[in-house]
Protein backbone atom coordinates (compact mmCIF):
# COMPACT_ATOMS: atom_id res chain seq x y z
CA MET A 1 0.76 -32.15 -49.15
CA GLY A 2 2.51 -29.34 -51.07
CA GLU A 3 3.31 -29.26 -54.76
CA THR A 4 7.05 -29.69 -54.21
CA VAL A 5 9.36 -31.85 -52.15
CA LYS A 6 11.95 -29.90 -50.17
CA ILE A 7 15.21 -31.44 -49.00
CA ILE A 8 15.74 -29.88 -45.57
CA SER A 9 19.39 -30.35 -44.76
CA PRO A 10 20.16 -31.68 -41.28
CA ILE A 11 23.38 -29.68 -41.36
CA ASP A 12 21.73 -26.32 -40.80
CA GLY A 13 18.00 -26.70 -41.47
CA SER A 14 18.24 -24.94 -44.84
CA VAL A 15 16.41 -25.99 -48.00
CA TYR A 16 19.19 -27.76 -49.88
CA ALA A 17 17.12 -28.57 -52.97
CA GLU A 18 13.52 -28.57 -54.12
CA ARG A 19 11.73 -30.63 -56.74
CA ALA A 20 8.21 -30.49 -58.14
CA TYR A 21 6.03 -33.55 -57.74
CA ALA A 22 5.26 -35.23 -61.03
CA SER A 23 2.05 -34.26 -62.78
CA PRO A 24 -0.50 -36.94 -63.73
CA ALA A 25 0.59 -36.58 -67.36
CA GLU A 26 4.25 -37.05 -66.43
CA ILE A 27 3.46 -40.15 -64.38
CA ASP A 28 1.41 -41.62 -67.21
CA ALA A 29 4.17 -40.95 -69.75
CA THR A 30 6.82 -42.47 -67.45
CA LEU A 31 4.88 -45.68 -66.87
CA SER A 32 4.02 -46.07 -70.55
CA ALA A 33 7.64 -45.53 -71.55
CA ALA A 34 8.80 -48.07 -68.95
CA GLU A 35 6.30 -50.63 -70.21
CA SER A 36 7.33 -50.12 -73.82
CA ALA A 37 11.07 -50.14 -73.09
CA GLN A 38 10.79 -53.33 -71.06
CA LYS A 39 9.27 -55.27 -73.94
CA ARG A 40 12.31 -54.46 -76.09
CA TRP A 41 14.79 -54.91 -73.26
CA ALA A 42 13.56 -58.44 -72.49
CA SER A 43 15.11 -59.65 -75.75
CA THR A 44 18.50 -58.08 -75.01
CA ASP A 45 21.22 -60.61 -74.18
CA ILE A 46 22.62 -60.74 -70.67
CA ALA A 47 26.13 -59.76 -71.79
CA THR A 48 24.78 -56.46 -73.16
CA ARG A 49 22.83 -55.81 -69.97
CA ARG A 50 25.95 -56.45 -67.88
CA GLN A 51 28.02 -54.12 -70.05
CA LEU A 52 25.57 -51.29 -69.48
CA ILE A 53 25.58 -51.88 -65.71
CA TYR A 54 29.36 -51.56 -65.64
CA ALA A 55 29.18 -48.42 -67.78
CA MET A 56 26.78 -46.93 -65.22
CA LEU A 57 29.21 -47.82 -62.43
CA ASP A 58 32.00 -45.99 -64.22
CA VAL A 59 29.87 -42.85 -64.25
CA ILE A 60 29.00 -43.11 -60.55
CA ASN A 61 32.62 -43.77 -59.56
CA ARG A 62 33.81 -40.60 -61.27
CA GLN A 63 31.31 -38.64 -59.20
CA THR A 64 32.27 -40.07 -55.78
CA PRO A 65 33.65 -36.83 -54.23
CA ALA A 66 30.57 -34.87 -55.27
CA ILE A 67 28.30 -37.66 -54.05
CA ALA A 68 30.00 -37.70 -50.63
CA GLU A 69 29.32 -33.98 -50.16
CA GLU A 70 25.79 -34.30 -51.47
CA LEU A 71 25.06 -37.11 -49.00
CA ALA A 72 26.29 -34.95 -46.14
CA TRP A 73 23.93 -32.15 -47.11
CA GLN A 74 20.95 -34.42 -47.74
CA MET A 75 21.09 -36.82 -44.80
CA GLY A 76 24.03 -35.88 -42.60
CA ARG A 77 26.63 -38.60 -43.14
CA PRO A 78 30.20 -37.29 -42.68
CA VAL A 79 32.03 -36.78 -45.98
CA ARG A 80 34.86 -39.02 -44.80
CA TYR A 81 32.48 -41.98 -45.16
CA GLY A 82 30.85 -41.03 -48.45
CA ALA A 83 33.11 -43.20 -50.57
CA GLY A 84 32.20 -46.22 -48.46
CA GLU A 85 28.65 -46.23 -49.74
CA ILE A 86 29.82 -46.03 -53.34
CA ASN A 87 32.22 -48.92 -52.72
CA GLY A 88 29.27 -50.95 -51.48
CA PHE A 89 27.20 -49.81 -54.47
CA ASN A 90 29.94 -51.17 -56.74
CA GLU A 91 30.18 -54.44 -54.84
CA ARG A 92 26.47 -55.18 -54.96
CA ALA A 93 25.91 -54.04 -58.54
CA SER A 94 28.89 -55.94 -59.95
CA HIS A 95 28.06 -59.09 -58.00
CA MET A 96 24.47 -59.18 -59.18
CA ALA A 97 25.51 -58.40 -62.76
CA ASP A 98 28.16 -61.13 -62.69
CA ILE A 99 25.89 -63.90 -61.36
CA ALA A 100 22.92 -63.06 -63.56
CA GLU A 101 23.72 -65.47 -66.37
CA ALA A 102 24.00 -68.43 -64.01
CA ALA A 103 21.05 -67.34 -61.87
CA LEU A 104 18.77 -66.98 -64.89
CA GLN A 105 19.70 -70.23 -66.59
CA PRO A 106 16.79 -72.55 -67.42
CA VAL A 107 16.15 -75.31 -64.88
CA ALA A 108 15.88 -78.79 -66.38
CA PRO A 109 14.25 -81.69 -64.52
CA GLU A 110 15.41 -85.27 -65.06
CA ALA A 111 15.43 -86.40 -68.69
CA LYS A 112 12.24 -87.94 -70.00
CA GLY A 113 12.14 -89.71 -73.32
CA GLY A 114 10.05 -88.04 -75.98
CA PHE A 115 9.89 -84.71 -74.22
CA ASP A 116 11.90 -81.52 -73.93
CA ARG A 117 11.13 -80.03 -70.50
CA TYR A 118 12.61 -77.03 -68.78
CA ILE A 119 11.75 -73.95 -66.70
CA GLU A 120 12.73 -70.46 -67.79
CA ARG A 121 12.97 -67.38 -65.60
CA ARG A 122 10.92 -64.69 -67.31
CA PRO A 123 10.97 -60.97 -66.41
CA LEU A 124 8.01 -59.55 -64.54
CA GLY A 125 7.70 -56.30 -66.48
CA VAL A 126 7.89 -52.90 -64.77
CA VAL A 127 9.42 -52.89 -61.28
CA PHE A 128 8.55 -49.94 -59.04
CA VAL A 129 11.36 -49.26 -56.55
CA VAL A 130 10.57 -47.10 -53.51
CA ALA A 131 13.94 -46.44 -51.87
CA ALA A 132 14.84 -45.06 -48.43
CA TRP A 133 17.14 -42.19 -47.48
CA ASN A 134 19.54 -43.72 -44.95
CA TYR A 135 21.65 -45.51 -47.59
CA PRO A 136 20.28 -43.96 -50.77
CA TYR A 137 22.64 -45.75 -53.16
CA LEU A 138 22.95 -49.10 -51.42
CA ILE A 139 19.22 -49.56 -50.88
CA ALA A 140 18.32 -48.59 -54.43
CA VAL A 141 20.95 -50.80 -56.04
CA ASN A 142 19.61 -53.90 -54.27
CA SER A 143 16.57 -53.75 -56.53
CA ILE A 144 17.56 -51.75 -59.59
CA VAL A 145 20.48 -53.79 -60.90
CA PRO A 146 18.98 -57.29 -60.53
CA ALA A 147 15.66 -56.03 -61.90
CA LEU A 148 17.40 -54.77 -65.04
CA MET A 149 19.63 -57.80 -65.39
CA ALA A 150 16.52 -60.00 -65.21
CA GLY A 151 14.96 -58.13 -68.14
CA ASN A 152 12.65 -55.74 -66.30
CA SER A 153 12.39 -51.97 -66.51
CA VAL A 154 12.58 -49.81 -63.38
CA VAL A 155 10.65 -46.80 -62.18
CA LEU A 156 12.37 -45.29 -59.13
CA LYS A 157 10.65 -43.25 -56.46
CA HIS A 158 13.39 -42.20 -54.07
CA SER A 159 12.88 -40.73 -50.62
CA GLY A 160 12.25 -37.01 -50.81
CA GLN A 161 15.11 -36.55 -48.36
CA THR A 162 17.62 -37.97 -50.84
CA ALA A 163 15.91 -37.18 -54.13
CA LEU A 164 19.20 -36.00 -55.65
CA SER A 165 20.74 -39.42 -55.12
CA GLY A 166 17.96 -41.02 -57.11
CA GLU A 167 18.46 -38.47 -59.86
CA ARG A 168 22.17 -39.22 -59.99
CA ILE A 169 21.56 -42.96 -60.36
CA VAL A 170 19.12 -42.48 -63.23
CA ALA A 171 21.35 -39.87 -64.90
CA ALA A 172 24.29 -42.30 -64.68
CA PHE A 173 22.26 -44.94 -66.52
CA ARG A 174 21.39 -42.42 -69.22
CA GLU A 175 25.03 -41.42 -69.62
CA ALA A 176 25.83 -45.12 -69.90
CA ARG A 177 23.42 -45.20 -72.88
CA MET A 178 20.74 -47.30 -71.23
CA PRO A 179 17.71 -47.39 -73.58
CA ASP A 180 15.23 -44.56 -73.10
CA GLY A 181 12.45 -45.26 -70.64
CA LEU A 182 14.15 -48.30 -69.12
CA VAL A 183 15.23 -46.56 -65.90
CA SER A 184 13.36 -43.47 -64.77
CA ILE A 185 12.69 -41.46 -61.64
CA VAL A 186 9.49 -39.77 -60.50
CA HIS A 187 9.07 -37.50 -57.50
CA LEU A 188 5.80 -38.45 -55.83
CA ASP A 189 3.85 -37.71 -52.67
CA HIS A 190 2.24 -40.52 -50.65
CA GLU A 191 -1.06 -40.40 -52.51
CA GLN A 192 0.64 -40.48 -55.90
CA THR A 193 2.84 -43.36 -54.79
CA ALA A 194 -0.24 -45.38 -53.85
CA GLU A 195 -1.81 -44.60 -57.22
CA VAL A 196 1.28 -45.82 -59.07
CA ILE A 197 1.29 -49.07 -57.07
CA GLY A 198 -2.31 -49.58 -58.11
CA ASP A 199 -1.58 -48.93 -61.80
CA ALA A 200 -1.89 -51.98 -64.06
CA ARG A 201 1.44 -51.17 -65.71
CA ILE A 202 3.33 -51.89 -62.46
CA ASN A 203 4.18 -55.58 -62.09
CA HIS A 204 6.23 -55.64 -58.88
CA VAL A 205 7.04 -53.27 -55.99
CA ASN A 206 10.18 -53.19 -53.86
CA PHE A 207 9.79 -50.89 -50.85
CA THR A 208 12.24 -50.01 -48.09
CA GLY A 209 10.95 -47.96 -45.19
CA SER A 210 8.88 -48.03 -42.04
CA VAL A 211 6.42 -50.69 -40.92
CA ALA A 212 3.61 -48.17 -41.40
CA GLY A 213 4.88 -47.54 -44.91
CA GLY A 214 4.87 -51.27 -45.60
CA HIS A 215 1.25 -51.51 -44.54
CA ALA A 216 0.43 -48.59 -46.83
CA VAL A 217 2.10 -50.36 -49.75
CA GLN A 218 0.11 -53.52 -49.07
CA GLN A 219 -3.08 -51.48 -48.89
CA ALA A 220 -2.30 -49.78 -52.20
CA ALA A 221 -1.68 -53.15 -53.86
CA ARG A 222 -4.85 -54.68 -52.46
CA GLY A 223 -6.82 -56.42 -55.17
CA ARG A 224 -3.75 -56.76 -57.43
CA PHE A 225 -1.82 -60.01 -57.87
CA ILE A 226 1.66 -58.49 -57.92
CA GLY A 227 4.76 -59.24 -55.92
CA LEU A 228 5.82 -57.04 -53.01
CA GLY A 229 9.29 -56.89 -51.53
CA LEU A 230 9.11 -55.11 -48.17
CA GLU A 231 12.17 -54.27 -46.05
CA LEU A 232 10.80 -52.55 -42.97
CA GLY A 233 11.82 -52.14 -39.32
CA GLY A 234 14.50 -53.75 -37.19
CA LYS A 235 15.77 -54.03 -33.63
CA ASP A 236 18.88 -56.07 -34.28
CA PRO A 237 20.46 -57.86 -31.31
CA ALA A 238 24.01 -58.99 -30.53
CA TYR A 239 25.04 -61.65 -28.03
CA VAL A 240 28.55 -61.60 -26.57
CA ARG A 241 29.63 -64.93 -25.08
CA ALA A 242 32.24 -65.29 -22.36
CA ASP A 243 34.90 -66.48 -24.82
CA ALA A 244 34.61 -63.50 -27.18
CA ASP A 245 37.59 -61.36 -28.18
CA LEU A 246 36.49 -58.34 -26.18
CA GLN A 247 38.48 -55.65 -27.97
CA LEU A 248 37.40 -56.80 -31.43
CA THR A 249 33.85 -57.20 -30.20
CA ALA A 250 33.71 -53.77 -28.55
CA GLU A 251 35.10 -52.03 -31.64
CA SER A 252 32.66 -53.81 -33.94
CA LEU A 253 29.61 -53.27 -31.74
CA VAL A 254 30.32 -49.57 -31.19
CA ASP A 255 30.66 -49.09 -34.93
CA GLY A 256 27.59 -51.24 -35.56
CA SER A 257 25.59 -49.18 -33.09
CA PHE A 258 26.65 -45.66 -34.01
CA PHE A 259 27.82 -45.59 -37.63
CA ASN A 260 25.58 -43.32 -39.72
CA SER A 261 24.30 -41.92 -36.39
CA GLY A 262 22.65 -45.26 -35.73
CA GLN A 263 20.47 -44.88 -38.83
CA SER A 264 21.27 -48.26 -40.33
CA CYS A 265 18.72 -50.92 -41.23
CA CYS A 266 20.87 -53.65 -39.65
CA GLY A 267 22.56 -51.50 -37.00
CA ILE A 268 22.98 -52.92 -33.51
CA GLU A 269 20.20 -51.70 -31.18
CA ARG A 270 20.45 -54.11 -28.23
CA ILE A 271 23.30 -56.16 -26.75
CA TYR A 272 23.25 -59.14 -24.40
CA ALA A 273 26.57 -60.05 -22.80
CA ASP A 274 27.62 -62.91 -20.57
CA ALA A 275 27.64 -61.62 -16.99
CA SER A 276 31.27 -62.67 -16.51
CA ILE A 277 32.55 -60.22 -19.15
CA PHE A 278 29.76 -57.63 -19.01
CA ASP A 279 31.69 -54.93 -17.10
CA ALA A 280 34.83 -55.34 -19.21
CA LEU A 281 32.86 -55.07 -22.44
CA LEU A 282 30.98 -52.03 -21.17
CA ALA A 283 34.20 -50.25 -20.19
CA ARG A 284 35.71 -50.80 -23.63
CA MET A 285 32.56 -49.62 -25.40
CA VAL A 286 32.29 -46.47 -23.29
CA ALA A 287 35.91 -45.58 -23.99
CA LEU A 288 35.50 -46.09 -27.75
CA THR A 289 32.23 -44.17 -27.89
CA SER A 290 33.76 -41.20 -26.09
CA ASP A 291 36.24 -40.83 -28.98
CA TYR A 292 33.57 -39.87 -31.51
CA MET A 293 33.71 -36.39 -33.00
CA LEU A 294 30.15 -35.06 -33.32
CA GLY A 295 29.86 -32.14 -35.67
CA ASN A 296 29.36 -30.75 -39.16
CA PRO A 297 29.54 -33.67 -41.63
CA LEU A 298 31.37 -31.49 -44.17
CA ASP A 299 34.35 -31.41 -41.79
CA GLU A 300 36.79 -34.27 -42.51
CA ALA A 301 37.44 -34.63 -38.76
CA THR A 302 33.78 -35.40 -38.02
CA THR A 303 33.01 -39.06 -37.33
CA LEU A 304 29.40 -38.60 -36.21
CA GLY A 305 27.09 -36.29 -38.11
CA PRO A 306 23.56 -35.12 -37.36
CA MET A 307 20.54 -37.37 -37.56
CA VAL A 308 18.39 -36.89 -40.62
CA ARG A 309 16.02 -34.46 -38.87
CA THR A 310 15.54 -32.88 -35.47
CA SER A 311 12.28 -34.72 -34.85
CA ALA A 312 14.07 -38.08 -35.24
CA ALA A 313 16.68 -37.01 -32.67
CA HIS A 314 13.95 -35.87 -30.28
CA MET A 315 12.30 -39.30 -30.50
CA VAL A 316 15.54 -41.08 -29.61
CA ARG A 317 16.25 -38.62 -26.79
CA GLN A 318 12.78 -39.35 -25.43
CA GLN A 319 13.47 -43.08 -25.46
CA ILE A 320 16.61 -42.43 -23.42
CA THR A 321 14.85 -40.09 -21.00
CA ASP A 322 12.05 -42.59 -20.45
CA ALA A 323 14.52 -45.44 -19.91
CA VAL A 324 16.57 -43.46 -17.37
CA GLY A 325 13.38 -42.46 -15.60
CA ALA A 326 12.51 -46.16 -15.31
CA GLY A 327 15.90 -47.06 -13.80
CA ALA A 328 18.36 -47.28 -16.70
CA THR A 329 21.89 -45.90 -16.35
CA ALA A 330 23.32 -43.63 -19.05
CA HIS A 331 27.10 -43.95 -19.45
CA ILE A 332 27.85 -41.14 -21.92
CA ALA A 333 27.55 -37.49 -20.90
CA PRO A 334 26.00 -35.55 -23.81
CA SER A 335 27.72 -32.44 -22.44
CA ALA A 336 31.03 -33.97 -23.52
CA PHE A 337 29.94 -33.40 -27.12
CA ALA A 338 29.78 -29.67 -27.75
CA ALA A 339 27.58 -30.06 -30.83
CA ASP A 340 24.83 -32.03 -29.04
CA ASP A 341 21.74 -30.05 -30.00
CA GLY A 342 18.81 -30.40 -32.38
CA ALA A 343 19.56 -33.01 -35.05
CA TYR A 344 23.11 -33.31 -33.71
CA MET A 345 22.81 -36.06 -31.13
CA ALA A 346 25.55 -37.52 -28.93
CA PRO A 347 25.79 -41.33 -28.80
CA GLN A 348 24.50 -43.10 -25.72
CA ILE A 349 25.06 -46.46 -24.00
CA LEU A 350 22.48 -47.63 -21.47
CA THR A 351 22.62 -50.36 -18.85
CA ASN A 352 20.10 -51.54 -16.25
CA VAL A 353 17.64 -51.74 -19.12
CA THR A 354 14.76 -54.18 -19.49
CA HIS A 355 12.40 -55.22 -22.23
CA ASP A 356 9.70 -53.17 -20.55
CA MET A 357 11.50 -50.11 -21.93
CA ALA A 358 10.81 -48.79 -25.42
CA VAL A 359 14.53 -48.41 -26.06
CA MET A 360 14.89 -52.21 -25.92
CA ARG A 361 11.66 -53.01 -27.71
CA GLU A 362 10.86 -50.35 -30.31
CA GLU A 363 13.06 -49.35 -33.21
CA SER A 364 15.31 -46.43 -32.26
CA PHE A 365 17.12 -45.82 -35.54
CA GLY A 366 19.49 -43.49 -33.77
CA PRO A 367 22.77 -43.45 -31.77
CA VAL A 368 21.69 -45.38 -28.68
CA VAL A 369 22.21 -48.97 -27.59
CA GLY A 370 21.17 -50.88 -24.47
CA LEU A 371 23.24 -53.61 -22.77
CA MET A 372 21.90 -56.41 -20.59
CA PRO A 373 23.84 -59.17 -18.77
CA VAL A 374 22.78 -62.80 -19.31
CA ALA A 375 23.66 -66.04 -17.55
CA SER A 376 23.46 -68.50 -20.44
CA ASP A 377 23.03 -69.06 -24.16
CA ALA A 378 19.43 -70.00 -23.52
CA GLU A 379 18.67 -66.70 -21.80
CA ALA A 380 20.36 -64.76 -24.58
CA ILE A 381 18.40 -66.60 -27.27
CA GLU A 382 15.12 -65.95 -25.45
CA LEU A 383 15.86 -62.22 -25.24
CA MET A 384 17.07 -62.00 -28.83
CA ASN A 385 13.81 -63.55 -29.99
CA ASP A 386 11.69 -61.26 -27.82
CA SER A 387 10.98 -58.85 -30.68
CA VAL A 388 8.48 -58.32 -33.46
CA TYR A 389 11.42 -57.76 -35.82
CA GLY A 390 13.94 -60.10 -37.39
CA LEU A 391 16.46 -58.62 -39.84
CA THR A 392 19.90 -59.59 -38.49
CA ALA A 393 21.40 -60.93 -35.28
CA SER A 394 24.98 -61.63 -34.27
CA VAL A 395 26.95 -63.74 -31.83
CA TRP A 396 30.47 -63.00 -30.66
CA THR A 397 32.44 -66.09 -29.74
CA GLN A 398 35.42 -68.31 -30.59
CA ASP A 399 33.20 -71.39 -30.77
CA VAL A 400 31.93 -71.91 -34.32
CA ALA A 401 29.81 -74.93 -33.40
CA ALA A 402 28.10 -72.99 -30.62
CA ALA A 403 27.51 -70.06 -32.97
CA LYS A 404 25.79 -72.29 -35.52
CA ASP A 405 23.65 -73.90 -32.84
CA ILE A 406 22.59 -70.49 -31.49
CA GLY A 407 21.95 -69.22 -34.99
CA ARG A 408 19.50 -71.99 -35.76
CA GLN A 409 17.45 -70.94 -32.74
CA VAL A 410 17.38 -67.20 -33.41
CA GLN A 411 14.47 -65.82 -35.42
CA THR A 412 16.18 -63.61 -37.96
CA GLY A 413 16.91 -63.15 -41.64
CA THR A 414 20.73 -63.07 -41.39
CA PHE A 415 22.84 -64.47 -38.57
CA PHE A 416 26.42 -63.27 -38.08
CA MET A 417 29.35 -64.57 -36.08
CA ASN A 418 31.99 -61.99 -35.10
CA ARG A 419 30.67 -59.30 -37.43
CA CYS A 420 27.56 -57.18 -37.83
CA ASP A 421 25.98 -54.35 -39.80
CA TYR A 422 27.03 -55.72 -43.19
CA LEU A 423 25.18 -56.94 -46.23
CA ASP A 424 26.86 -59.64 -48.33
CA PRO A 425 25.43 -59.58 -51.88
CA GLY A 426 26.16 -63.30 -52.19
CA LEU A 427 23.57 -64.00 -49.50
CA ALA A 428 19.84 -63.41 -49.50
CA TRP A 429 18.82 -60.17 -47.76
CA THR A 430 15.61 -61.01 -45.99
CA GLY A 431 13.81 -60.87 -42.66
CA ILE A 432 10.81 -62.06 -40.69
CA GLY A 433 8.01 -60.54 -38.62
CA ASP A 434 7.59 -56.78 -38.88
CA THR A 435 10.87 -56.59 -40.77
CA GLY A 436 8.83 -57.44 -43.84
CA ARG A 437 8.81 -60.08 -46.54
CA GLY A 438 10.60 -61.14 -49.69
CA ALA A 439 14.32 -61.28 -50.39
CA SER A 440 16.85 -59.34 -52.42
CA LEU A 441 20.37 -60.01 -53.69
CA SER A 442 22.04 -63.40 -54.27
CA LYS A 443 20.62 -65.93 -56.69
CA ILE A 444 17.45 -65.96 -54.59
CA GLY A 445 16.97 -62.26 -55.30
CA TYR A 446 16.52 -63.10 -58.97
CA GLU A 447 13.69 -65.45 -58.09
CA GLN A 448 11.81 -62.47 -56.65
CA LEU A 449 12.21 -60.42 -59.83
CA THR A 450 11.26 -63.09 -62.35
CA ARG A 451 8.47 -65.59 -62.82
CA PRO A 452 8.95 -69.26 -63.67
CA MET A 453 7.61 -70.39 -67.03
CA SER A 454 7.54 -74.11 -67.74
CA PHE A 455 8.10 -75.54 -71.24
CA HIS A 456 6.66 -79.03 -71.79
CA LEU A 457 7.39 -80.02 -75.39
CA LYS A 458 6.37 -83.39 -76.76
CA THR A 459 8.78 -84.58 -79.42
CA ASP A 460 8.34 -87.38 -81.97
CA ASP A 461 8.75 -90.41 -79.69
CA PRO A 462 5.36 -92.23 -79.76
CA SER A 463 6.34 -94.48 -76.85
CA GLU A 464 5.59 -91.61 -74.45
CA ALA A 465 2.02 -91.03 -75.61
CA GLY A 466 -0.39 -90.50 -72.76
CA GLU A 467 2.28 -89.27 -70.33
């Protein structure tokens, strides 16, 4: 691997920015500073921590227009949507900062005479955050803010594709007067990343990326008793029942499938619809998809930008080609989108698909979705569960009781009714299977970033001797 990381912009293939990988001395200094800063930070009261988080948010919010343009250049999202990610960044950061005091309160068992007993949540130490490019602010904030609020320090290794986003986050903390060394960023190659994971000064790793990347993280941590949070692949399904509001459902599923050019961790990648409404749903989705404007993400009129790189678009195109060759029907003509070329990829809806096709089985992470008709809830549930992944799943129906019953049978981390492609910071963000392990956000997220320490104090009541 080279000595620098280059951000190749999907807009035009140019080198948008370049950064040198950290030297061994720089890595050593960063980890030592993080370890030292954390020991001091652990004694800081929660109110002070929260104040600094909000000061950081003020800095980021002032930079929103510049961030939107920078995101377009780095990973292709249209500028018209740039503020949306910062709004989500605010929502998650403020929620986790606001619930920290309650989430970190000591847990007391039933009273026992002669003893003072309770469980404290203690910080882990240095948390190493390896963040992905597709939502560079949202993904990073899931770990950074609760880690800091829990009393840890953070070393951030952001995706090379969105390295500038990581730099902005760390710079915002510095401007907010966060103590030196508490939040830092290092630009690393794969080998260096593995070495950092293996370093004794790292106490926990949160990684978002591919399944292969997750295996590499586990391999790097082998022999170490540290926690790993791994958010990996997904192939999120939706099931549309016969009683669904078709217009609302079509609008939501099209957006859930194609927003961010389909490059969303919990984006919709496969849809199962009751046979009685299948054609009507398909017609609505095709009409809505045809309205997308594919083009330069710096143009305010653009609603669909390029994929992150040409090779990613080629992979998705190959999935479509293979599916059509095996009998699938493509409903969107790429020729209707003048910009369809290279990383710029037109959205696609496929029918006559089966689970023998890669497009319905393997993660696409691009603007394509397959639709299959089903005859019953049972058939839909079976198909939804026919996957090695389990991040989110959704049902579209007017029947709340039926939705809950279906949800209990679906193997997933989050189950939605009448919505999709959304992360609620009040709920645990988690998954099963090849989606990974661990949980972030909500009160449960704090349990992942702290360790329980029990206090068992015998007082002066002799009647409890021997207990």
